PDB file of N, CA and C in Angstrom:
ATOM      1  N   MET A   1      -4.030  15.015   7.681  1.00  0.00           N
ATOM      2  CA  MET A   1      -3.460  14.362   6.519  1.00  0.00           C
ATOM      3  C   MET A   1      -4.348  14.647   5.316  1.00  0.00           C
ATOM      4  N   THR A   2      -3.732  14.959   4.205  1.00  0.00           N
ATOM      5  CA  THR A   2      -4.488  15.181   2.985  1.00  0.00           C
ATOM      6  C   THR A   2      -4.919  13.836   2.416  1.00  0.00           C
ATOM      7  N   LYS A   3      -5.881  13.890   1.539  1.00  0.00           N
ATOM      8  CA  LYS A   3      -6.375  12.650   0.940  1.00  0.00           C
ATOM      9  C   LYS A   3      -5.260  12.021   0.107  1.00  0.00           C
ATOM     10  N   PRO A   4      -4.886  10.785   0.446  1.00  0.00           N
ATOM     11  CA  PRO A   4      -3.795  10.137  -0.289  1.00  0.00           C
ATOM     12  C   PRO A   4      -4.213   9.804  -1.720  1.00  0.00           C
ATOM     13  N   LYS A   5      -3.253   9.906  -2.603  1.00  0.00           N
ATOM     14  CA  LYS A   5      -3.470   9.553  -4.004  1.00  0.00           C
ATOM     15  C   LYS A   5      -2.417   8.530  -4.394  1.00  0.00           C
ATOM     16  N   GLY A   6      -2.707   7.778  -5.375  1.00  0.00           N
ATOM     17  CA  GLY A   6      -1.777   6.763  -5.831  1.00  0.00           C
ATOM     18  C   GLY A   6      -1.997   6.483  -7.304  1.00  0.00           C
ATOM     19  N   TYR A   7      -1.384   5.430  -7.764  1.00  0.00           N
ATOM     20  CA  TYR A   7      -1.532   5.066  -9.170  1.00  0.00           C
ATOM     21  C   TYR A   7      -1.325   3.569  -9.337  1.00  0.00           C
ATOM     22  N   VAL A   8      -1.735   3.077 -10.486  1.00  0.00           N
ATOM     23  CA  VAL A   8      -1.516   1.675 -10.845  1.00  0.00           C
ATOM     24  C   VAL A   8      -0.587   1.641 -12.049  1.00  0.00           C
ATOM     25  N   TYR A   9       0.220   0.592 -12.116  1.00  0.00           N
ATOM     26  CA  TYR A   9       1.117   0.445 -13.256  1.00  0.00           C
ATOM     27  C   TYR A   9       1.426  -1.022 -13.504  1.00  0.00           C
ATOM     28  N   LYS A  10       1.878  -1.285 -14.699  1.00  0.00           N
ATOM     29  CA  LYS A  10       2.244  -2.643 -15.091  1.00  0.00           C
ATOM     30  C   LYS A  10       3.767  -2.705 -15.203  1.00  0.00           C
ATOM     31  N   ASP A  11       4.368  -3.648 -14.497  1.00  0.00           N
ATOM     32  CA  ASP A  11       5.812  -3.835 -14.539  1.00  0.00           C
ATOM     33  C   ASP A  11       6.179  -4.438 -15.895  1.00  0.00           C
ATOM     34  N   ARG A  12       7.102  -3.815 -16.567  1.00  0.00           N
ATOM     35  CA  ARG A  12       7.478  -4.289 -17.902  1.00  0.00           C
ATOM     36  C   ARG A  12       8.188  -5.635 -17.864  1.00  0.00           C
ATOM     37  N   ALA A  13       8.986  -5.861 -16.841  1.00  0.00           N
ATOM     38  CA  ALA A  13       9.768  -7.093 -16.765  1.00  0.00           C
ATOM     39  C   ALA A  13       8.904  -8.311 -16.451  1.00  0.00           C
ATOM     40  N   THR A  14       7.977  -8.155 -15.492  1.00  0.00           N
ATOM     41  CA  THR A  14       7.194  -9.309 -15.052  1.00  0.00           C
ATOM     42  C   THR A  14       5.797  -9.354 -15.657  1.00  0.00           C
ATOM     43  N   GLY A  15       5.285  -8.216 -16.095  1.00  0.00           N
ATOM     44  CA  GLY A  15       3.937  -8.158 -16.643  1.00  0.00           C
ATOM     45  C   GLY A  15       2.856  -8.095 -15.575  1.00  0.00           C
ATOM     46  N   LYS A  16       3.249  -7.949 -14.303  1.00  0.00           N
ATOM     47  CA  LYS A  16       2.286  -7.882 -13.207  1.00  0.00           C
ATOM     48  C   LYS A  16       1.827  -6.453 -12.991  1.00  0.00           C
ATOM     49  N   TRP A  17       0.589  -6.303 -12.481  1.00  0.00           N
ATOM     50  CA  TRP A  17       0.032  -4.999 -12.167  1.00  0.00           C
ATOM     51  C   TRP A  17       0.233  -4.691 -10.693  1.00  0.00           C
ATOM     52  N   PHE A  18       0.550  -3.429 -10.402  1.00  0.00           N
ATOM     53  CA  PHE A  18       0.795  -2.981  -9.037  1.00  0.00           C
ATOM     54  C   PHE A  18      -0.044  -1.759  -8.717  1.00  0.00           C
ATOM     55  N   ALA A  19      -0.374  -1.603  -7.434  1.00  0.00           N
ATOM     56  CA  ALA A  19      -1.002  -0.392  -6.912  1.00  0.00           C
ATOM     57  C   ALA A  19       0.023   0.238  -5.972  1.00  0.00           C
ATOM     58  N   ARG A  20       0.239   1.552  -6.105  1.00  0.00           N
ATOM     59  CA  ARG A  20       1.269   2.210  -5.308  1.00  0.00           C
ATOM     60  C   ARG A  20       0.765   3.539  -4.773  1.00  0.00           C
ATOM     61  N   VAL A  21       1.030   3.777  -3.482  1.00  0.00           N
ATOM     62  CA  VAL A  21       0.679   5.032  -2.814  1.00  0.00           C
ATOM     63  C   VAL A  21       1.900   5.485  -2.032  1.00  0.00           C
ATOM     64  N   THR A  22       2.227   6.777  -2.092  1.00  0.00           N
ATOM     65  CA  THR A  22       3.315   7.339  -1.315  1.00  0.00           C
ATOM     66  C   THR A  22       2.723   8.176  -0.195  1.00  0.00           C
ATOM     67  N   VAL A  23       3.150   7.907   1.042  1.00  0.00           N
ATOM     68  CA  VAL A  23       2.674   8.637   2.217  1.00  0.00           C
ATOM     69  C   VAL A  23       3.875   9.148   3.002  1.00  0.00           C
ATOM     70  N   THR A  24       3.633  10.116   3.876  1.00  0.00           N
ATOM     71  CA  THR A  24       4.658  10.641   4.755  1.00  0.00           C
ATOM     72  C   THR A  24       4.369  10.178   6.171  1.00  0.00           C
ATOM     73  N   ASP A  25       5.366   9.575   6.831  1.00  0.00           N
ATOM     74  CA  ASP A  25       5.157   9.074   8.191  1.00  0.00           C
ATOM     75  C   ASP A  25       5.322  10.203   9.202  1.00  0.00           C
ATOM     76  N   ALA A  26       5.246   9.876  10.483  1.00  0.00           N
ATOM     77  CA  ALA A  26       5.297  10.872  11.552  1.00  0.00           C
ATOM     78  C   ALA A  26       6.650  11.582  11.611  1.00  0.00           C
ATOM     79  N   ASN A  27       7.695  10.944  11.152  1.00  0.00           N
ATOM     80  CA  ASN A  27       9.030  11.539  11.163  1.00  0.00           C
ATOM     81  C   ASN A  27       9.302  12.385   9.928  1.00  0.00           C
ATOM     82  N   GLY A  28       8.350  12.465   9.025  1.00  0.00           N
ATOM     83  CA  GLY A  28       8.512  13.241   7.807  1.00  0.00           C
ATOM     84  C   GLY A  28       9.174  12.468   6.678  1.00  0.00           C
ATOM     85  N   LYS A  29       9.385  11.177   6.873  1.00  0.00           N
ATOM     86  CA  LYS A  29      10.005  10.343   5.849  1.00  0.00           C
ATOM     87  C   LYS A  29       8.939   9.803   4.906  1.00  0.00           C
ATOM     88  N   ARG A  30       9.224   9.857   3.617  1.00  0.00           N
ATOM     89  CA  ARG A  30       8.285   9.344   2.630  1.00  0.00           C
ATOM     90  C   ARG A  30       8.392   7.828   2.551  1.00  0.00           C
ATOM     91  N   ARG A  31       7.243   7.181   2.550  1.00  0.00           N
ATOM     92  CA  ARG A  31       7.168   5.724   2.459  1.00  0.00           C
ATOM     93  C   ARG A  31       6.269   5.348   1.294  1.00  0.00           C
ATOM     94  N   ASN A  32       6.641   4.296   0.610  1.00  0.00           N
ATOM     95  CA  ASN A  32       5.833   3.783  -0.489  1.00  0.00           C
ATOM     96  C   ASN A  32       5.114   2.526  -0.034  1.00  0.00           C
ATOM     97  N   ILE A  33       3.843   2.469  -0.336  1.00  0.00           N
ATOM     98  CA  ILE A  33       3.057   1.267  -0.095  1.00  0.00           C
ATOM     99  C   ILE A  33       2.737   0.706  -1.471  1.00  0.00           C
ATOM    100  N   LYS A  34       3.304  -0.454  -1.766  1.00  0.00           N
ATOM    101  CA  LYS A  34       3.155  -1.052  -3.093  1.00  0.00           C
ATOM    102  C   LYS A  34       2.686  -2.482  -2.915  1.00  0.00           C
ATOM    103  N   LYS A  35       1.616  -2.827  -3.607  1.00  0.00           N
ATOM    104  CA  LYS A  35       1.074  -4.181  -3.515  1.00  0.00           C
ATOM    105  C   LYS A  35       0.808  -4.715  -4.916  1.00  0.00           C
ATOM    106  N   THR A  36       1.004  -6.017  -5.062  1.00  0.00           N
ATOM    107  CA  THR A  36       0.770  -6.693  -6.335  1.00  0.00           C
ATOM    108  C   THR A  36      -0.688  -7.091  -6.438  1.00  0.00           C
ATOM    109  N   ALA A  37      -1.274  -6.834  -7.589  1.00  0.00           N
ATOM    110  CA  ALA A  37      -2.676  -7.181  -7.831  1.00  0.00           C
ATOM    111  C   ALA A  37      -2.751  -8.567  -8.463  1.00  0.00           C
ATOM    112  N   ASP A  38      -3.747  -9.329  -8.045  1.00  0.00           N
ATOM    113  CA  ASP A  38      -4.000 -10.634  -8.654  1.00  0.00           C
ATOM    114  C   ASP A  38      -4.983 -10.429  -9.794  1.00  0.00           C
ATOM    115  N   GLY A  39      -4.472 -10.170 -10.954  1.00  0.00           N
ATOM    116  CA  GLY A  39      -5.331  -9.927 -12.104  1.00  0.00           C
ATOM    117  C   GLY A  39      -4.786  -8.782 -12.938  1.00  0.00           C
ATOM    118  N   GLY A  40      -5.677  -8.090 -13.600  1.00  0.00           N
ATOM    119  CA  GLY A  40      -5.287  -7.032 -14.505  1.00  0.00           C
ATOM    120  C   GLY A  40      -5.381  -5.646 -13.902  1.00  0.00           C
ATOM    121  N   LYS A  41      -5.566  -4.685 -14.789  1.00  0.00           N
ATOM    122  CA  LYS A  41      -5.611  -3.285 -14.391  1.00  0.00           C
ATOM    123  C   LYS A  41      -6.809  -2.997 -13.481  1.00  0.00           C
ATOM    124  N   GLY A  42      -7.932  -3.623 -13.732  1.00  0.00           N
ATOM    125  CA  GLY A  42      -9.116  -3.428 -12.898  1.00  0.00           C
ATOM    126  C   GLY A  42      -8.898  -3.896 -11.476  1.00  0.00           C
ATOM    127  N   ALA A  43      -8.236  -5.032 -11.326  1.00  0.00           N
ATOM    128  CA  ALA A  43      -7.927  -5.548  -9.989  1.00  0.00           C
ATOM    129  C   ALA A  43      -6.954  -4.621  -9.270  1.00  0.00           C
ATOM    130  N   ALA A  44      -5.999  -4.053 -10.002  1.00  0.00           N
ATOM    131  CA  ALA A  44      -5.049  -3.116  -9.402  1.00  0.00           C
ATOM    132  C   ALA A  44      -5.762  -1.842  -8.962  1.00  0.00           C
ATOM    133  N   SER A  45      -6.736  -1.380  -9.737  1.00  0.00           N
ATOM    134  CA  SER A  45      -7.494  -0.186  -9.362  1.00  0.00           C
ATOM    135  C   SER A  45      -8.303  -0.432  -8.095  1.00  0.00           C
ATOM    136  N   LYS A  46      -8.915  -1.607  -7.979  1.00  0.00           N
ATOM    137  CA  LYS A  46      -9.664  -1.948  -6.765  1.00  0.00           C
ATOM    138  C   LYS A  46      -8.728  -2.024  -5.566  1.00  0.00           C
ATOM    139  N   LEU A  47      -7.545  -2.596  -5.761  1.00  0.00           N
ATOM    140  CA  LEU A  47      -6.560  -2.695  -4.698  1.00  0.00           C
ATOM    141  C   LEU A  47      -6.107  -1.302  -4.256  1.00  0.00           C
ATOM    142  N   LEU A  48      -5.930  -0.398  -5.201  1.00  0.00           N
ATOM    143  CA  LEU A  48      -5.547   0.975  -4.884  1.00  0.00           C
ATOM    144  C   LEU A  48      -6.613   1.653  -4.030  1.00  0.00           C
ATOM    145  N   LYS A  49      -7.872   1.454  -4.385  1.00  0.00           N
ATOM    146  CA  LYS A  49      -8.969   2.037  -3.599  1.00  0.00           C
ATOM    147  C   LYS A  49      -8.983   1.462  -2.194  1.00  0.00           C
ATOM    148  N   MET A  50      -8.685   0.163  -2.049  1.00  0.00           N
ATOM    149  CA  MET A  50      -8.652  -0.466  -0.729  1.00  0.00           C
ATOM    150  C   MET A  50      -7.509   0.099   0.114  1.00  0.00           C
ATOM    151  N   ILE A  51      -6.351   0.314  -0.497  1.00  0.00           N
ATOM    152  CA  ILE A  51      -5.206   0.872   0.221  1.00  0.00           C
ATOM    153  C   ILE A  51      -5.530   2.284   0.696  1.00  0.00           C
ATOM    154  N   ILE A  52      -6.107   3.095  -0.170  1.00  0.00           N
ATOM    155  CA  ILE A  52      -6.451   4.471   0.187  1.00  0.00           C
ATOM    156  C   ILE A  52      -7.500   4.490   1.285  1.00  0.00           C
ATOM    157  N   SER A  53      -8.494   3.617   1.185  1.00  0.00           N
ATOM    158  CA  SER A  53      -9.522   3.537   2.213  1.00  0.00           C
ATOM    159  C   SER A  53      -8.916   3.136   3.554  1.00  0.00           C
ATOM    160  N   ASP A  54      -8.002   2.180   3.531  1.00  0.00           N
ATOM    161  CA  ASP A  54      -7.326   1.735   4.741  1.00  0.00           C
ATOM    162  C   ASP A  54      -6.494   2.865   5.349  1.00  0.00           C
ATOM    163  N   LEU A  55      -5.833   3.642   4.515  1.00  0.00           N
ATOM    164  CA  LEU A  55      -5.055   4.785   4.992  1.00  0.00           C
ATOM    165  C   LEU A  55      -5.943   5.823   5.664  1.00  0.00           C
ATOM    166  N   GLU A  56      -7.095   6.078   5.078  1.00  0.00           N
ATOM    167  CA  GLU A  56      -8.009   7.070   5.640  1.00  0.00           C
ATOM    168  C   GLU A  56      -8.611   6.584   6.957  1.00  0.00           C
ATOM    169  N   ASP A  57      -8.872   5.286   7.073  1.00  0.00           N
ATOM    170  CA  ASP A  57      -9.477   4.740   8.281  1.00  0.00           C
ATOM    171  C   ASP A  57      -8.479   4.605   9.436  1.00  0.00           C
ATOM    172  N   ARG A  58      -7.323   4.010   9.148  1.00  0.00           N
ATOM    173  CA  ARG A  58      -6.383   3.676  10.222  1.00  0.00           C
ATOM    174  C   ARG A  58      -5.184   4.611  10.308  1.00  0.00           C
ATOM    175  N   GLY A  59      -4.906   5.374   9.284  1.00  0.00           N
ATOM    176  CA  GLY A  59      -3.751   6.262   9.300  1.00  0.00           C
ATOM    177  C   GLY A  59      -2.530   5.607   8.690  1.00  0.00           C
ATOM    178  N   ALA A  60      -1.577   6.432   8.313  1.00  0.00           N
ATOM    179  CA  ALA A  60      -0.387   5.944   7.617  1.00  0.00           C
ATOM    180  C   ALA A  60       0.478   5.057   8.503  1.00  0.00           C
ATOM    181  N   GLU A  61       0.624   5.412   9.777  1.00  0.00           N
ATOM    182  CA  GLU A  61       1.490   4.635  10.662  1.00  0.00           C
ATOM    183  C   GLU A  61       0.999   3.203  10.820  1.00  0.00           C
ATOM    184  N   ALA A  62      -0.288   3.017  10.977  1.00  0.00           N
ATOM    185  CA  ALA A  62      -0.840   1.673  11.155  1.00  0.00           C
ATOM    186  C   ALA A  62      -0.670   0.836   9.899  1.00  0.00           C
ATOM    187  N   VAL A  63      -0.864   1.439   8.745  1.00  0.00           N
ATOM    188  CA  VAL A  63      -0.743   0.702   7.490  1.00  0.00           C
ATOM    189  C   VAL A  63       0.701   0.330   7.234  1.00  0.00           C
ATOM    190  N   ILE A  64       1.621   1.243   7.488  1.00  0.00           N
ATOM    191  CA  ILE A  64       3.042   0.953   7.279  1.00  0.00           C
ATOM    192  C   ILE A  64       3.507  -0.121   8.250  1.00  0.00           C
ATOM    193  N   GLU A  65       3.050  -0.054   9.503  1.00  0.00           N
ATOM    194  CA  GLU A  65       3.453  -1.034  10.497  1.00  0.00           C
ATOM    195  C   GLU A  65       2.981  -2.430  10.118  1.00  0.00           C
ATOM    196  N   THR A  66       1.745  -2.577   9.696  1.00  0.00           N
ATOM    197  CA  THR A  66       1.241  -3.904   9.338  1.00  0.00           C
ATOM    198  C   THR A  66       1.808  -4.388   8.015  1.00  0.00           C
ATOM    199  N   ASP A  67       2.273  -3.472   7.196  1.00  0.00           N
ATOM    200  CA  ASP A  67       2.865  -3.859   5.929  1.00  0.00           C
ATOM    201  C   ASP A  67       4.229  -4.515   6.143  1.00  0.00           C
ATOM    202  N   ARG A  68       4.892  -4.202   7.246  1.00  0.00           N
ATOM    203  CA  ARG A  68       6.233  -4.709   7.511  1.00  0.00           C
ATOM    204  C   ARG A  68       6.295  -5.672   8.686  1.00  0.00           C
ATOM    205  N   ILE A  69       5.187  -6.232   9.107  1.00  0.00           N
ATOM    206  CA  ILE A  69       5.175  -7.127  10.255  1.00  0.00           C
ATOM    207  C   ILE A  69       5.789  -8.471   9.858  1.00  0.00           C
ATOM    208  N   THR A  70       6.581  -9.027  10.764  1.00  0.00           N
ATOM    209  CA  THR A  70       7.203 -10.322  10.504  1.00  0.00           C
ATOM    210  C   THR A  70       6.376 -11.425  11.157  1.00  0.00           C
ATOM    211  N   PHE A  71       6.655 -12.648  10.778  1.00  0.00           N
ATOM    212  CA  PHE A  71       5.938 -13.766  11.366  1.00  0.00           C
ATOM    213  C   PHE A  71       6.222 -13.865  12.862  1.00  0.00           C
ATOM    214  N   ARG A  72       7.455 -13.606  13.254  1.00  0.00           N
ATOM    215  CA  ARG A  72       7.811 -13.673  14.681  1.00  0.00           C
ATOM    216  C   ARG A  72       7.005 -12.650  15.484  1.00  0.00           C
ATOM    217  N   ASP A  73       6.863 -11.416  14.972  1.00  0.00           N
ATOM    218  CA  ASP A  73       6.061 -10.408  15.666  1.00  0.00           C
ATOM    219  C   ASP A  73       4.613 -10.841  15.757  1.00  0.00           C
ATOM    220  N   LEU A  74       4.097 -11.403  14.692  1.00  0.00           N
ATOM    221  CA  LEU A  74       2.722 -11.866  14.673  1.00  0.00           C
ATOM    222  C   LEU A  74       2.509 -13.011  15.667  1.00  0.00           C
ATOM    223  N   ALA A  75       3.459 -13.933  15.728  1.00  0.00           N
ATOM    224  CA  ALA A  75       3.357 -15.070  16.640  1.00  0.00           C
ATOM    225  C   ALA A  75       3.399 -14.626  18.092  1.00  0.00           C
ATOM    226  N   GLU A  76       4.189 -13.582  18.391  1.00  0.00           N
ATOM    227  CA  GLU A  76       4.272 -13.083  19.763  1.00  0.00           C
ATOM    228  C   GLU A  76       2.959 -12.436  20.201  1.00  0.00           C
ATOM    229  N   LYS A  77       2.258 -11.809  19.276  1.00  0.00           N
ATOM    230  CA  LYS A  77       0.983 -11.172  19.597  1.00  0.00           C
ATOM    231  C   LYS A  77      -0.085 -12.226  19.771  1.00  0.00           C
TER     232      LYS A  77
END
C-alpha cells in the first residue's frame, strides 16, 4: 500500500472542520474515511495525522471495519 494522503476542510453549511482520507479496500473499491474534528483547522490536521498513522499501522481493512462497527457487534464481542 502506498502512503495514504488526505486533506482537511471546513464544511460551509455547518462550519465544522473535517479530516478526510480516501483508501482502496481489498476488493478495489474506494472508501472514504471522514471524521469531524473537535476544534479548528489545527485539530483537524492532528486528526488527519492520527488517521494516516492508524492506516499505516493496522491497514485499510481494519480501519474501515472499526469505522462501521455497530453497538450490537461491539456488545457481542
